[in-house]
Amino acid sequence: MIRTTIAAAVAATLAFATPALADLSDILSAGTIKIAVPENFPPFGSLGMEGEYVGYDVDVANLIAENLGVELELVPVTSPQRIPYLETDRVDLVVSSMGANPERAKSIWFSSAYAPFFSGAFAASDLSIASMADLAGHKVGVTGGTLEDLELTEKGPKDLEIIRFGDNAATISAFVSGQTDVIVTGNTVAAQLGSDNPDLSIETKFIIKESPAFIGIKKGNIDLLQWVNVFILHKKLGGELNELSEKWLGQPLPDLPSL
């Protein structure tokens, strides 16, 4: 795997000084690509124990650089920085668990979806649950006031026993201690929960709401957009993205939409 060419601690600073090379031909000529990844959003991207950034998005960024045959400069970003960094040429691509919507599409282009991001019901593998109706008779834990709580309240069976908690930590703690049979949360929370507690054999029972992630590309860079879409298709068909999903999210890669 291609290693970053600058230390994570100075990546953002150098990004201000050296413009990114957003055109595909320029990137290939220069032999370097700058890719924004999450600064602190595990399991998509965060600072690892050895002082390097790790996660699903980081692995995708490395795959992109490897397939282009260029060096990779990781640029850790927060959510509000993602689009401005593209628009001001501080990065060539944003691979940072970013959802696509009409408002964002006014500013940048989006690739096909490359990563799953969703809310779902999660429980032990030996528990037979496949739909909202199957939650009846089980204690279902959720963080109060969240999207997941609203979906459960609106679409769950009338006799559903919902146990609401004040924050994610309390919701997770209740599931781990056996106070609830099912946890309804985001897939990233569930992935971390499964990683921290492998004995629970937690798996996705069903998806409540999908919001997949897309790669951000500066408007006008059509060659780069086309290359990225071919890259995503190739990695879906070849199984690499499925391997990353299993590695970081603890589940097979679901069907992802194309734009």
Protein backbone atom coordinates (compact mmCIF):
# COMPACT_ATOMS: atom_id res chain seq x y z
CA MET A 1 0.00 0.00 0.00
CA ILE A 2 1.28 3.43 -0.90
CA ARG A 3 2.34 5.44 2.13
CA THR A 4 1.63 9.14 2.50
CA THR A 5 4.42 11.41 1.42
CA ILE A 6 3.97 13.93 4.19
CA ALA A 7 3.34 13.58 7.88
CA ALA A 8 -0.29 13.87 8.93
CA ALA A 9 0.59 16.65 11.33
CA VAL A 10 1.70 18.98 8.53
CA ALA A 11 -0.55 17.80 5.69
CA ALA A 12 -3.18 20.46 6.15
CA THR A 13 -0.59 23.23 6.44
CA LEU A 14 1.21 22.24 3.26
CA ALA A 15 -2.12 21.99 1.45
CA PHE A 16 -2.47 25.76 1.79
CA ALA A 17 0.97 26.38 0.27
CA THR A 18 0.88 24.04 -2.74
CA PRO A 19 -2.19 24.02 -5.00
CA ALA A 20 -3.69 20.63 -5.83
CA LEU A 21 -3.50 19.37 -9.41
CA ALA A 22 -7.14 18.56 -10.07
CA ASP A 23 -6.87 17.75 -13.81
CA LEU A 24 -6.17 14.06 -14.38
CA SER A 25 -3.36 14.74 -16.86
CA ASP A 26 -1.66 17.13 -14.41
CA ILE A 27 -1.92 14.61 -11.58
CA LEU A 28 -0.34 11.91 -13.73
CA SER A 29 2.41 14.25 -14.92
CA ALA A 30 3.24 15.44 -11.42
CA GLY A 31 3.10 11.94 -9.95
CA THR A 32 1.21 13.12 -6.86
CA ILE A 33 -2.43 13.35 -5.78
CA LYS A 34 -3.85 15.17 -2.74
CA ILE A 35 -6.87 13.47 -1.19
CA ALA A 36 -8.93 14.75 1.73
CA VAL A 37 -9.88 12.10 4.30
CA PRO A 38 -11.73 12.35 7.64
CA GLU A 39 -9.70 13.83 10.45
CA ASN A 40 -11.65 12.09 13.22
CA PHE A 41 -14.53 9.94 12.00
CA PRO A 42 -13.76 6.27 12.65
CA PRO A 43 -14.00 3.78 11.07
CA PHE A 44 -13.80 5.94 7.90
CA GLY A 45 -10.76 7.93 9.00
CA SER A 46 -8.91 8.76 12.21
CA LEU A 47 -5.40 8.91 13.63
CA GLY A 48 -4.15 5.40 14.38
CA MET A 49 -2.02 4.11 17.22
CA GLU A 50 1.16 4.42 15.16
CA GLY A 51 0.57 8.06 14.27
CA GLU A 52 -0.76 7.46 10.73
CA TYR A 53 -4.32 7.89 9.52
CA VAL A 54 -6.33 4.70 9.12
CA GLY A 55 -9.84 3.76 8.07
CA TYR A 56 -12.09 2.85 5.14
CA ASP A 57 -11.62 6.19 3.39
CA VAL A 58 -7.86 6.12 3.95
CA ASP A 59 -7.66 2.69 2.35
CA VAL A 60 -9.74 3.91 -0.61
CA ALA A 61 -7.41 6.91 -1.00
CA ASN A 62 -4.43 4.58 -1.05
CA LEU A 63 -6.13 2.39 -3.68
CA ILE A 64 -6.77 5.44 -5.85
CA ALA A 65 -3.14 6.53 -5.71
CA GLU A 66 -1.95 2.98 -6.32
CA ASN A 67 -4.17 2.59 -9.39
CA LEU A 68 -3.10 5.97 -10.75
CA GLY A 69 0.52 5.07 -10.16
CA VAL A 70 1.21 8.25 -8.19
CA GLU A 71 2.26 9.24 -4.68
CA LEU A 72 -0.45 10.03 -2.15
CA GLU A 73 -0.64 13.09 0.08
CA LEU A 74 -3.36 12.65 2.68
CA VAL A 75 -5.04 15.86 3.85
CA PRO A 76 -7.11 15.25 7.02
CA VAL A 77 -10.21 17.46 7.08
CA THR A 78 -13.26 18.16 9.20
CA SER A 79 -16.71 17.99 7.61
CA PRO A 80 -17.03 21.76 6.97
CA GLN A 81 -13.65 21.82 5.22
CA ARG A 82 -14.44 19.21 2.58
CA ILE A 83 -16.09 21.32 -0.12
CA PRO A 84 -14.02 24.52 0.43
CA TYR A 85 -10.80 22.50 0.09
CA LEU A 86 -11.96 21.24 -3.31
CA GLU A 87 -13.13 24.64 -4.50
CA THR A 88 -9.82 26.31 -3.57
CA ASP A 89 -7.60 23.55 -5.05
CA ARG A 90 -6.20 22.46 -1.71
CA VAL A 91 -7.09 18.86 -2.61
CA ASP A 92 -7.78 16.95 -5.81
CA LEU A 93 -10.42 14.64 -4.36
CA VAL A 94 -12.52 14.36 -1.21
CA VAL A 95 -12.83 10.79 0.07
CA SER A 96 -14.45 11.61 3.39
CA SER A 97 -17.78 9.77 3.92
CA MET A 98 -19.63 12.60 2.16
CA GLY A 99 -23.27 12.25 1.22
CA ALA A 100 -24.61 13.75 -2.00
CA ASN A 101 -27.54 16.17 -2.05
CA PRO A 102 -28.86 18.88 -4.41
CA GLU A 103 -27.39 21.72 -2.35
CA ARG A 104 -23.87 20.30 -2.35
CA ALA A 105 -24.18 19.46 -6.04
CA LYS A 106 -24.40 23.20 -6.77
CA SER A 107 -20.75 23.49 -5.70
CA ILE A 108 -19.00 20.24 -6.64
CA TRP A 109 -19.40 17.05 -8.64
CA PHE A 110 -19.99 13.62 -7.10
CA SER A 111 -18.82 10.21 -8.20
CA SER A 112 -20.86 7.04 -7.97
CA ALA A 113 -21.28 5.79 -4.40
CA TYR A 114 -18.22 4.02 -3.03
CA ALA A 115 -19.14 3.34 0.61
CA PRO A 116 -22.21 2.35 2.61
CA PHE A 117 -23.52 4.71 5.25
CA PHE A 118 -26.87 3.91 6.79
CA SER A 119 -29.04 3.55 9.86
CA GLY A 120 -30.10 0.03 10.71
CA ALA A 121 -31.11 -2.55 13.29
CA PHE A 122 -28.23 -4.60 14.69
CA ALA A 123 -28.30 -7.66 16.92
CA ALA A 124 -26.62 -11.00 17.59
CA SER A 125 -26.38 -13.34 14.61
CA ASP A 126 -28.60 -15.97 16.24
CA LEU A 127 -31.54 -13.55 16.61
CA SER A 128 -34.04 -13.92 13.75
CA ILE A 129 -34.96 -10.40 12.65
CA ALA A 130 -35.40 -9.18 9.08
CA SER A 131 -37.87 -6.30 9.23
CA MET A 132 -39.52 -3.71 11.45
CA ALA A 133 -42.34 -6.15 12.18
CA ASP A 134 -39.85 -8.69 13.55
CA LEU A 135 -38.78 -6.24 16.27
CA ALA A 136 -42.01 -6.96 18.14
CA GLY A 137 -41.30 -8.89 21.33
CA HIS A 138 -37.73 -7.61 21.58
CA LYS A 139 -36.26 -4.79 23.65
CA VAL A 140 -34.98 -2.22 21.17
CA GLY A 141 -32.44 0.38 22.28
CA VAL A 142 -32.02 3.72 20.52
CA THR A 143 -30.63 7.16 21.28
CA GLY A 144 -33.59 9.46 21.89
CA GLY A 145 -34.35 12.21 19.39
CA THR A 146 -32.21 10.77 16.60
CA LEU A 147 -33.26 9.94 13.06
CA GLU A 148 -33.36 6.30 14.11
CA ASP A 149 -35.73 7.12 16.97
CA LEU A 150 -38.08 8.99 14.62
CA GLU A 151 -38.09 6.12 12.12
CA LEU A 152 -38.81 3.54 14.83
CA THR A 153 -41.62 5.64 16.29
CA GLU A 154 -43.21 6.20 12.89
CA LYS A 155 -42.76 2.82 11.24
CA GLY A 156 -42.35 0.29 14.06
CA PRO A 157 -45.11 -2.12 15.15
CA LYS A 158 -47.57 -0.76 17.69
CA ASP A 159 -46.42 -3.14 20.42
CA LEU A 160 -42.75 -2.32 19.88
CA GLU A 161 -40.81 -1.85 23.12
CA ILE A 162 -38.48 1.09 22.50
CA ILE A 163 -35.97 1.95 25.23
CA ARG A 164 -34.53 5.42 24.67
CA PHE A 165 -31.20 6.62 26.03
CA GLY A 166 -29.65 10.06 26.35
CA ASP A 167 -26.61 9.48 24.13
CA ASN A 168 -24.86 6.87 22.01
CA ALA A 169 -22.60 5.78 24.86
CA ALA A 170 -25.59 4.88 27.04
CA THR A 171 -27.33 3.14 24.13
CA ILE A 172 -24.24 1.06 23.44
CA SER A 173 -23.66 0.26 27.10
CA ALA A 174 -27.24 -1.01 27.46
CA PHE A 175 -26.84 -3.33 24.47
CA VAL A 176 -23.48 -4.67 25.63
CA SER A 177 -24.83 -5.37 29.13
CA GLY A 178 -27.89 -7.19 27.76
CA GLN A 179 -30.49 -4.59 28.78
CA THR A 180 -31.63 -4.50 25.15
CA ASP A 181 -31.80 -7.20 22.49
CA VAL A 182 -31.46 -4.92 19.47
CA ILE A 183 -29.63 -1.65 18.91
CA VAL A 184 -30.83 0.74 16.22
CA THR A 185 -28.05 3.11 15.18
CA GLY A 186 -25.69 4.10 12.37
CA ASN A 187 -23.53 1.48 10.71
CA THR A 188 -20.32 3.20 11.82
CA VAL A 189 -21.40 2.99 15.46
CA ALA A 190 -22.35 -0.65 14.99
CA ALA A 191 -19.04 -1.43 13.31
CA GLN A 192 -17.08 0.01 16.23
CA LEU A 193 -19.36 -1.82 18.66
CA GLY A 194 -18.71 -5.12 16.91
CA SER A 195 -14.96 -4.48 16.79
CA ASP A 196 -14.83 -3.68 20.50
CA ASN A 197 -17.07 -6.64 21.45
CA PRO A 198 -16.46 -9.53 19.04
CA ASP A 199 -18.13 -11.99 21.41
CA LEU A 200 -21.49 -10.30 20.70
CA SER A 201 -21.45 -11.56 17.07
CA ILE A 202 -23.35 -8.43 16.05
CA GLU A 203 -24.67 -8.23 12.49
CA THR A 204 -26.93 -6.02 10.39
CA LYS A 205 -30.54 -7.25 10.53
CA PHE A 206 -32.06 -4.68 8.19
CA ILE A 207 -31.43 -1.17 6.92
CA ILE A 208 -33.75 1.62 8.03
CA LYS A 209 -32.40 4.51 5.98
CA GLU A 210 -29.55 4.68 3.49
CA SER A 211 -27.20 7.61 2.93
CA PRO A 212 -24.21 6.24 0.98
CA ALA A 213 -20.94 8.11 0.61
CA PHE A 214 -19.63 9.64 -2.63
CA ILE A 215 -16.23 10.98 -3.72
CA GLY A 216 -16.15 14.75 -4.23
CA ILE A 217 -14.56 16.20 -7.37
CA LYS A 218 -14.10 19.83 -8.37
CA LYS A 219 -16.51 21.05 -11.05
CA GLY A 220 -15.03 20.98 -14.53
CA ASN A 221 -12.65 18.07 -13.97
CA ILE A 222 -14.54 15.69 -16.24
CA ASP A 223 -11.56 13.41 -16.98
CA LEU A 224 -10.93 12.89 -13.28
CA LEU A 225 -14.63 12.25 -12.62
CA GLN A 226 -14.79 9.63 -15.37
CA TRP A 227 -11.65 7.93 -14.10
CA VAL A 228 -12.96 7.83 -10.52
CA ASN A 229 -16.25 6.26 -11.66
CA VAL A 230 -14.40 3.58 -13.60
CA PHE A 231 -12.19 3.00 -10.54
CA ILE A 232 -15.24 2.55 -8.27
CA LEU A 233 -16.91 0.16 -10.71
CA HIS A 234 -13.69 -1.83 -11.05
CA LYS A 235 -13.25 -2.13 -7.28
CA LYS A 236 -16.87 -3.16 -6.78
CA LEU A 237 -16.63 -5.87 -9.42
CA GLY A 238 -13.21 -7.00 -8.26
CA GLY A 239 -14.27 -7.27 -4.63
CA GLU A 240 -11.79 -4.78 -3.14
CA LEU A 241 -14.50 -2.47 -1.82
CA ASN A 242 -16.31 -5.46 -0.34
CA GLU A 243 -13.10 -6.45 1.45
CA LEU A 244 -12.81 -2.94 2.89
CA SER A 245 -16.44 -3.02 4.00
CA GLU A 246 -15.87 -6.34 5.77
CA LYS A 247 -12.64 -5.03 7.31
CA TRP A 248 -13.88 -1.66 8.61
CA LEU A 249 -17.68 -2.00 8.81
CA GLY A 250 -18.00 -5.69 9.64
CA GLN A 251 -20.40 -6.50 6.84
CA PRO A 252 -20.53 -7.19 3.10
CA LEU A 253 -20.76 -4.23 0.76
CA PRO A 254 -24.44 -3.62 -0.09
CA ASP A 255 -25.68 -2.52 -3.52
CA LEU A 256 -24.65 1.09 -4.00
CA PRO A 257 -26.29 3.61 -6.34
CA SER A 258 -24.60 5.28 -9.29
CA LEU A 259 -25.15 8.91 -10.29
